[in-house]
Structures are given as structure tokens and as C-alpha cells.
Amino acid sequence: MRWIWVAGLVICGPLWAETPRAADCAVTRVVDGDTVHLTCAGVRHKVRLLGFDTPEISRPGCAAEATAGAQATRVLQALIATGPVTDVRFEGQDRYGRDLGALAIAGRDVAAVMLASGLARPYGGGRRQGWCGG
């Protein structure tokens, strides 16, 4: 069974005696520049990170997108390597069944870092812009 936490409350699944802390969470894999695998208190989640979009690496629309997607993935991997998860918030699921969430690593907001890298753009849901121009 999966649990989803929003603002420190369990909104789906069994109630916990206490809310899992960010300290109980760890990133176990970086899938690409905006998706990670996260384990919280023994529960595994595939998480689409909120607030930004990065170029695709699995099915890029052009060579430039593939290159930028690989760079964004490396930036996220480097950020994850800097320290522990210090904040996590889940906000439902997307149409692919991934959990949607915001994440901070070593006190740094992942979305803000990715946006500042220049390899991501703001994204709040809906149709995304392409990365190949024109």
C-alpha cells in the first residue's frame, strides 16, 4: 500500500502513529533532471519533482534536448550528493502514477537550484514547451 503525505498529514492509506520526517527519507536514484526514486520510512516512491521541467533524456525531440537533459540529470545528481533530504512534501500523483513532490537537499530547494542552473524552466502542470526550438 502507498502512503501520500501532504503538509505533514497522511491523506491516503493507513494512519501513522507519527508523521514520517524528512530525515526518514533518502533519494535512491536520479531518473532524470526532474524525477527521482525516494524511500521514506521504508516506502518507495517514484517522484516527479514540482515547480520545474527539464529536457527529456528517454525520448528527446532532438540531439540538443538529449544533451541538455543529460546535463540537467548530472546537476540533480550532484545536488543529491551534497547531503540528506531535509524537506519533502507530496502533493498527489500525475497521470503516469508518479508521486508529485517538492524536495530540499541539505536545506536547498531542489526546484530553485535546478532553475538557477539554467537547465530547467518553471513548470506548474499542463502542456509543456518543447526543448528543440521552432
N, C-alpha and C. Protein backbone atom coordinates (compact mmCIF):
# COMPACT_ATOMS: atom_id res chain seq x y z
N MET A 1 0.84 -1.18 0.00
CA MET A 1 0.00 0.00 0.00
C MET A 1 0.88 1.24 0.00
N ARG A 2 0.44 2.28 -0.67
CA ARG A 2 1.20 3.53 -0.75
C ARG A 2 0.59 4.56 0.17
N TRP A 3 1.46 5.37 0.73
CA TRP A 3 1.02 6.49 1.56
C TRP A 3 1.42 7.77 0.88
N ILE A 4 0.61 8.79 1.02
CA ILE A 4 0.94 10.10 0.47
C ILE A 4 0.80 11.10 1.61
N TRP A 5 1.85 11.90 1.81
CA TRP A 5 1.83 12.90 2.86
C TRP A 5 1.71 14.27 2.25
N VAL A 6 0.83 15.09 2.76
CA VAL A 6 0.69 16.48 2.33
C VAL A 6 0.65 17.32 3.59
N ALA A 7 1.52 18.28 3.67
CA ALA A 7 1.58 19.19 4.82
C ALA A 7 1.65 18.42 6.13
N GLY A 8 2.39 17.31 6.14
CA GLY A 8 2.58 16.55 7.36
C GLY A 8 1.44 15.63 7.73
N LEU A 9 0.44 15.49 6.88
CA LEU A 9 -0.70 14.63 7.17
C LEU A 9 -0.79 13.48 6.18
N VAL A 10 -1.14 12.33 6.66
CA VAL A 10 -1.38 11.20 5.77
C VAL A 10 -2.77 11.40 5.17
N ILE A 11 -2.87 11.44 3.82
CA ILE A 11 -4.17 11.66 3.21
C ILE A 11 -4.68 10.43 2.48
N CYS A 12 -3.85 9.41 2.38
CA CYS A 12 -4.27 8.19 1.70
C CYS A 12 -3.52 7.04 2.33
N GLY A 13 -4.21 6.00 2.71
CA GLY A 13 -3.55 4.86 3.32
C GLY A 13 -3.75 4.87 4.82
N PRO A 14 -3.10 3.96 5.52
CA PRO A 14 -3.31 3.85 6.96
C PRO A 14 -2.72 5.04 7.70
N LEU A 15 -3.28 5.35 8.84
CA LEU A 15 -2.76 6.44 9.66
C LEU A 15 -1.51 5.98 10.38
N TRP A 16 -0.55 6.87 10.49
CA TRP A 16 0.69 6.60 11.20
C TRP A 16 0.57 7.09 12.62
N ALA A 17 1.28 6.45 13.51
CA ALA A 17 1.34 6.94 14.89
C ALA A 17 2.02 8.30 14.91
N GLU A 18 2.99 8.49 14.03
CA GLU A 18 3.62 9.80 13.86
C GLU A 18 3.95 10.00 12.40
N THR A 19 4.01 11.24 11.98
CA THR A 19 4.29 11.56 10.58
C THR A 19 5.76 11.30 10.28
N PRO A 20 6.08 10.62 9.17
CA PRO A 20 7.48 10.42 8.82
C PRO A 20 8.19 11.75 8.64
N ARG A 21 9.42 11.80 9.07
CA ARG A 21 10.22 13.01 8.96
C ARG A 21 11.07 12.95 7.70
N ALA A 22 11.49 14.12 7.22
CA ALA A 22 12.38 14.16 6.06
C ALA A 22 13.64 13.35 6.34
N ALA A 23 14.06 13.31 7.61
CA ALA A 23 15.24 12.54 7.98
C ALA A 23 15.05 11.05 7.71
N ASP A 24 13.80 10.60 7.58
CA ASP A 24 13.50 9.20 7.29
C ASP A 24 13.46 8.93 5.79
N CYS A 25 13.78 9.94 4.97
CA CYS A 25 13.72 9.81 3.51
C CYS A 25 15.13 9.88 2.91
N ALA A 26 15.30 9.14 1.82
CA ALA A 26 16.57 9.18 1.09
C ALA A 26 16.29 9.01 -0.40
N VAL A 27 17.02 9.75 -1.22
CA VAL A 27 16.94 9.58 -2.66
C VAL A 27 17.78 8.35 -3.00
N THR A 28 17.14 7.38 -3.67
CA THR A 28 17.85 6.15 -4.01
C THR A 28 18.27 6.11 -5.47
N ARG A 29 17.68 6.97 -6.30
CA ARG A 29 18.05 7.01 -7.72
C ARG A 29 17.59 8.32 -8.34
N VAL A 30 18.41 8.89 -9.18
CA VAL A 30 18.00 10.03 -10.01
C VAL A 30 17.67 9.47 -11.38
N VAL A 31 16.41 9.60 -11.78
CA VAL A 31 15.95 9.08 -13.07
C VAL A 31 16.36 10.01 -14.19
N ASP A 32 16.08 11.30 -13.99
CA ASP A 32 16.45 12.35 -14.93
C ASP A 32 16.47 13.66 -14.17
N GLY A 33 16.46 14.78 -14.85
CA GLY A 33 16.60 16.07 -14.18
C GLY A 33 15.43 16.50 -13.33
N ASP A 34 14.27 15.83 -13.46
CA ASP A 34 13.12 16.23 -12.64
C ASP A 34 12.36 15.04 -12.04
N THR A 35 12.99 13.87 -11.99
CA THR A 35 12.35 12.69 -11.42
C THR A 35 13.37 11.88 -10.62
N VAL A 36 12.96 11.49 -9.41
CA VAL A 36 13.83 10.69 -8.54
C VAL A 36 13.05 9.53 -7.93
N HIS A 37 13.78 8.54 -7.46
CA HIS A 37 13.21 7.50 -6.61
C HIS A 37 13.58 7.88 -5.19
N LEU A 38 12.61 7.83 -4.30
CA LEU A 38 12.76 8.27 -2.92
C LEU A 38 12.20 7.17 -2.03
N THR A 39 12.88 6.87 -0.96
CA THR A 39 12.36 5.93 0.03
C THR A 39 12.17 6.70 1.34
N CYS A 40 10.96 6.64 1.87
CA CYS A 40 10.63 7.31 3.14
C CYS A 40 10.09 6.25 4.09
N ALA A 41 10.78 6.06 5.19
CA ALA A 41 10.35 5.10 6.21
C ALA A 41 10.03 3.74 5.59
N GLY A 42 10.86 3.32 4.66
CA GLY A 42 10.71 2.01 4.02
C GLY A 42 9.73 1.95 2.86
N VAL A 43 9.05 3.04 2.56
CA VAL A 43 8.10 3.09 1.45
C VAL A 43 8.77 3.75 0.25
N ARG A 44 8.78 3.04 -0.89
CA ARG A 44 9.43 3.57 -2.09
C ARG A 44 8.45 4.40 -2.92
N HIS A 45 8.96 5.50 -3.47
CA HIS A 45 8.17 6.42 -4.30
C HIS A 45 8.97 6.79 -5.53
N LYS A 46 8.32 6.84 -6.68
CA LYS A 46 8.90 7.48 -7.86
C LYS A 46 8.28 8.87 -7.87
N VAL A 47 9.10 9.90 -7.80
CA VAL A 47 8.62 11.26 -7.57
C VAL A 47 8.98 12.17 -8.73
N ARG A 48 7.94 12.78 -9.32
CA ARG A 48 8.12 13.86 -10.31
C ARG A 48 8.19 15.13 -9.49
N LEU A 49 9.35 15.78 -9.53
CA LEU A 49 9.58 16.97 -8.72
C LEU A 49 8.78 18.16 -9.25
N LEU A 50 8.21 18.91 -8.33
CA LEU A 50 7.32 20.02 -8.67
C LEU A 50 8.08 21.32 -8.88
N GLY A 51 7.51 22.18 -9.71
CA GLY A 51 7.99 23.55 -9.86
C GLY A 51 8.90 23.79 -11.04
N PHE A 52 9.34 22.73 -11.71
CA PHE A 52 10.25 22.92 -12.84
C PHE A 52 10.16 21.73 -13.80
N ASP A 53 10.67 21.96 -15.00
CA ASP A 53 10.73 20.93 -16.03
C ASP A 53 12.13 20.96 -16.63
N THR A 54 12.65 19.78 -16.92
CA THR A 54 13.96 19.69 -17.57
C THR A 54 13.81 18.94 -18.89
N PRO A 55 14.79 19.06 -19.78
CA PRO A 55 14.74 18.36 -21.05
C PRO A 55 14.68 16.83 -20.86
N GLU A 56 14.06 16.17 -21.81
CA GLU A 56 13.91 14.72 -21.74
C GLU A 56 15.21 14.01 -22.11
N ILE A 57 15.44 12.86 -21.47
CA ILE A 57 16.57 12.02 -21.85
C ILE A 57 16.11 10.69 -22.44
N SER A 58 14.89 10.25 -22.06
CA SER A 58 14.44 8.94 -22.55
C SER A 58 13.93 9.01 -23.99
N ARG A 59 13.22 10.06 -24.35
CA ARG A 59 12.74 10.23 -25.73
C ARG A 59 12.85 11.70 -26.12
N PRO A 60 14.09 12.17 -26.28
CA PRO A 60 14.27 13.59 -26.63
C PRO A 60 13.79 13.86 -28.04
N GLY A 61 13.39 15.11 -28.27
CA GLY A 61 12.91 15.51 -29.59
C GLY A 61 14.03 15.85 -30.55
N CYS A 62 15.25 16.08 -30.03
CA CYS A 62 16.39 16.43 -30.87
C CYS A 62 17.66 16.18 -30.07
N ALA A 63 18.79 16.24 -30.76
CA ALA A 63 20.08 15.99 -30.11
C ALA A 63 20.37 17.03 -29.01
N ALA A 64 19.99 18.28 -29.25
CA ALA A 64 20.24 19.33 -28.25
C ALA A 64 19.46 19.04 -26.96
N GLU A 65 18.25 18.53 -27.09
CA GLU A 65 17.46 18.20 -25.91
C GLU A 65 18.12 17.04 -25.15
N ALA A 66 18.60 16.04 -25.86
CA ALA A 66 19.27 14.90 -25.21
C ALA A 66 20.49 15.37 -24.42
N THR A 67 21.28 16.26 -25.02
CA THR A 67 22.47 16.78 -24.36
C THR A 67 22.11 17.59 -23.12
N ALA A 68 21.13 18.49 -23.26
CA ALA A 68 20.70 19.31 -22.12
C ALA A 68 20.06 18.45 -21.03
N GLY A 69 19.33 17.42 -21.41
CA GLY A 69 18.72 16.51 -20.44
C GLY A 69 19.77 15.77 -19.64
N ALA A 70 20.83 15.32 -20.31
CA ALA A 70 21.93 14.64 -19.61
C ALA A 70 22.63 15.60 -18.64
N GLN A 71 22.80 16.85 -19.06
CA GLN A 71 23.42 17.85 -18.18
C GLN A 71 22.54 18.11 -16.96
N ALA A 72 21.23 18.26 -17.16
CA ALA A 72 20.31 18.50 -16.05
C ALA A 72 20.32 17.32 -15.08
N THR A 73 20.39 16.11 -15.60
CA THR A 73 20.45 14.93 -14.74
C THR A 73 21.72 14.96 -13.89
N ARG A 74 22.84 15.33 -14.47
CA ARG A 74 24.10 15.41 -13.72
C ARG A 74 24.03 16.50 -12.64
N VAL A 75 23.39 17.63 -12.94
CA VAL A 75 23.24 18.69 -11.94
C VAL A 75 22.41 18.17 -10.76
N LEU A 76 21.32 17.48 -11.03
CA LEU A 76 20.49 16.94 -9.94
C LEU A 76 21.26 15.87 -9.16
N GLN A 77 22.00 15.01 -9.84
CA GLN A 77 22.81 14.00 -9.14
C GLN A 77 23.83 14.67 -8.21
N ALA A 78 24.48 15.72 -8.69
CA ALA A 78 25.46 16.43 -7.86
C ALA A 78 24.79 17.07 -6.65
N LEU A 79 23.62 17.65 -6.84
CA LEU A 79 22.89 18.24 -5.73
C LEU A 79 22.53 17.18 -4.70
N ILE A 80 22.00 16.05 -5.15
CA ILE A 80 21.62 14.96 -4.24
C ILE A 80 22.83 14.50 -3.43
N ALA A 81 24.00 14.50 -4.04
CA ALA A 81 25.22 14.04 -3.37
C ALA A 81 25.69 14.99 -2.27
N THR A 82 25.15 16.22 -2.21
CA THR A 82 25.62 17.20 -1.22
C THR A 82 25.09 16.97 0.17
N GLY A 83 24.06 16.16 0.32
CA GLY A 83 23.58 15.96 1.68
C GLY A 83 22.26 15.25 1.75
N PRO A 84 21.73 15.21 2.94
CA PRO A 84 20.49 14.46 3.17
C PRO A 84 19.25 15.23 2.71
N VAL A 85 18.16 14.50 2.60
CA VAL A 85 16.85 15.11 2.38
C VAL A 85 16.50 15.87 3.65
N THR A 86 16.21 17.17 3.51
CA THR A 86 15.86 17.98 4.67
C THR A 86 14.41 18.43 4.66
N ASP A 87 13.73 18.26 3.52
CA ASP A 87 12.29 18.56 3.45
C ASP A 87 11.71 17.79 2.28
N VAL A 88 10.51 17.27 2.47
CA VAL A 88 9.80 16.59 1.39
C VAL A 88 8.31 16.83 1.60
N ARG A 89 7.61 17.15 0.52
CA ARG A 89 6.15 17.33 0.54
C ARG A 89 5.57 16.64 -0.67
N PHE A 90 4.62 15.75 -0.43
CA PHE A 90 3.93 15.08 -1.52
C PHE A 90 2.61 15.78 -1.81
N GLU A 91 2.27 15.91 -3.09
CA GLU A 91 1.04 16.62 -3.50
C GLU A 91 0.29 15.84 -4.56
N GLY A 92 -0.04 14.59 -4.29
CA GLY A 92 -0.83 13.79 -5.22
C GLY A 92 0.02 13.01 -6.20
N GLN A 93 -0.61 12.62 -7.31
CA GLN A 93 0.07 11.84 -8.34
C GLN A 93 -0.23 12.42 -9.71
N ASP A 94 0.68 12.14 -10.66
CA ASP A 94 0.45 12.56 -12.03
C ASP A 94 -0.23 11.45 -12.81
N ARG A 95 -0.47 11.68 -14.09
CA ARG A 95 -1.21 10.72 -14.90
C ARG A 95 -0.42 9.43 -15.14
N TYR A 96 0.87 9.43 -14.84
CA TYR A 96 1.70 8.23 -15.01
C TYR A 96 1.84 7.45 -13.71
N GLY A 97 1.16 7.88 -12.66
CA GLY A 97 1.22 7.19 -11.38
C GLY A 97 2.40 7.59 -10.51
N ARG A 98 3.17 8.58 -10.94
CA ARG A 98 4.28 9.05 -10.11
C ARG A 98 3.73 9.97 -9.03
N ASP A 99 4.35 9.93 -7.87
CA ASP A 99 4.01 10.89 -6.83
C ASP A 99 4.57 12.24 -7.25
N LEU A 100 3.84 13.29 -6.94
CA LEU A 100 4.29 14.66 -7.19
C LEU A 100 4.82 15.20 -5.88
N GLY A 101 6.00 15.80 -5.91
CA GLY A 101 6.55 16.26 -4.64
C GLY A 101 7.59 17.35 -4.79
N ALA A 102 7.76 18.06 -3.69
CA ALA A 102 8.80 19.07 -3.57
C ALA A 102 9.86 18.52 -2.62
N LEU A 103 11.09 18.88 -2.86
CA LEU A 103 12.21 18.27 -2.15
C LEU A 103 13.26 19.31 -1.84
N ALA A 104 13.85 19.20 -0.66
CA ALA A 104 15.02 20.02 -0.32
C ALA A 104 16.14 19.06 0.09
N ILE A 105 17.34 19.37 -0.37
CA ILE A 105 18.53 18.59 -0.05
C ILE A 105 19.51 19.51 0.69
N ALA A 106 19.92 19.09 1.87
CA ALA A 106 20.85 19.88 2.68
C ALA A 106 20.36 21.33 2.82
N GLY A 107 19.05 21.50 2.96
CA GLY A 107 18.46 22.82 3.15
C GLY A 107 18.26 23.62 1.88
N ARG A 108 18.60 23.06 0.73
CA ARG A 108 18.46 23.77 -0.55
C ARG A 108 17.26 23.24 -1.32
N ASP A 109 16.37 24.14 -1.74
CA ASP A 109 15.20 23.77 -2.52
C ASP A 109 15.64 23.27 -3.89
N VAL A 110 15.29 22.03 -4.20
CA VAL A 110 15.74 21.43 -5.46
C VAL A 110 15.23 22.22 -6.66
N ALA A 111 13.97 22.64 -6.65
CA ALA A 111 13.43 23.40 -7.79
C ALA A 111 14.22 24.68 -8.00
N ALA A 112 14.52 25.40 -6.94
CA ALA A 112 15.26 26.66 -7.07
C ALA A 112 16.66 26.43 -7.63
N VAL A 113 17.32 25.37 -7.17
CA VAL A 113 18.67 25.06 -7.66
C VAL A 113 18.62 24.71 -9.15
N MET A 114 17.65 23.87 -9.52
CA MET A 114 17.56 23.46 -10.93
C MET A 114 17.23 24.65 -11.83
N LEU A 115 16.33 25.52 -11.39
CA LEU A 115 16.00 26.70 -12.18
C LEU A 115 17.22 27.62 -12.32
N ALA A 116 17.97 27.79 -11.24
CA ALA A 116 19.15 28.65 -11.27
C ALA A 116 20.25 28.08 -12.17
N SER A 117 20.24 26.77 -12.38
CA SER A 117 21.26 26.14 -13.23
C SER A 117 21.11 26.53 -14.70
N GLY A 118 19.93 27.00 -15.08
CA GLY A 118 19.67 27.33 -16.48
C GLY A 118 19.28 26.12 -17.32
N LEU A 119 19.21 24.94 -16.69
CA LEU A 119 18.86 23.71 -17.40
C LEU A 119 17.43 23.27 -17.12
N ALA A 120 16.67 24.15 -16.49
CA ALA A 120 15.27 23.87 -16.18
C ALA A 120 14.48 25.15 -16.40
N ARG A 121 13.17 24.97 -16.59
CA ARG A 121 12.29 26.14 -16.67
C ARG A 121 11.11 25.92 -15.74
N PRO A 122 10.49 27.01 -15.30
CA PRO A 122 9.34 26.88 -14.40
C PRO A 122 8.24 26.04 -15.03
N TYR A 123 7.59 25.23 -14.21
CA TYR A 123 6.51 24.38 -14.70
C TYR A 123 5.52 24.15 -13.57
N GLY A 124 4.26 24.42 -13.86
CA GLY A 124 3.21 24.24 -12.86
C GLY A 124 2.15 23.25 -13.29
N GLY A 125 2.43 22.44 -14.28
CA GLY A 125 1.46 21.46 -14.76
C GLY A 125 0.95 21.86 -16.14
N GLY A 126 0.23 20.94 -16.74
CA GLY A 126 -0.33 21.19 -18.06
C GLY A 126 0.67 20.94 -19.17
N ARG A 127 0.39 21.51 -20.31
CA ARG A 127 1.22 21.30 -21.51
C ARG A 127 2.58 21.95 -21.32
N ARG A 128 3.63 21.21 -21.65
CA ARG A 128 4.99 21.71 -21.52
C ARG A 128 5.50 22.21 -22.86
N GLN A 129 6.39 23.20 -22.81
CA GLN A 129 7.04 23.69 -24.02
C GLN A 129 8.07 22.68 -24.48
N GLY A 130 8.33 22.64 -25.77
CA GLY A 130 9.39 21.79 -26.29
C GLY A 130 10.75 22.37 -26.00
N TRP A 131 11.78 21.56 -26.16
CA TRP A 131 13.15 21.97 -25.91
C TRP A 131 13.96 22.10 -27.19
N CYS A 132 13.33 21.89 -28.33
CA CYS A 132 14.07 21.87 -29.60
C CYS A 132 13.88 23.11 -30.45
N GLY A 133 13.28 24.14 -29.91
CA GLY A 133 13.05 25.37 -30.67
C GLY A 133 11.95 25.20 -31.69
N GLY A 134 11.70 26.28 -32.41
CA GLY A 134 10.75 26.31 -33.51
C GLY A 134 9.48 25.74 -33.23
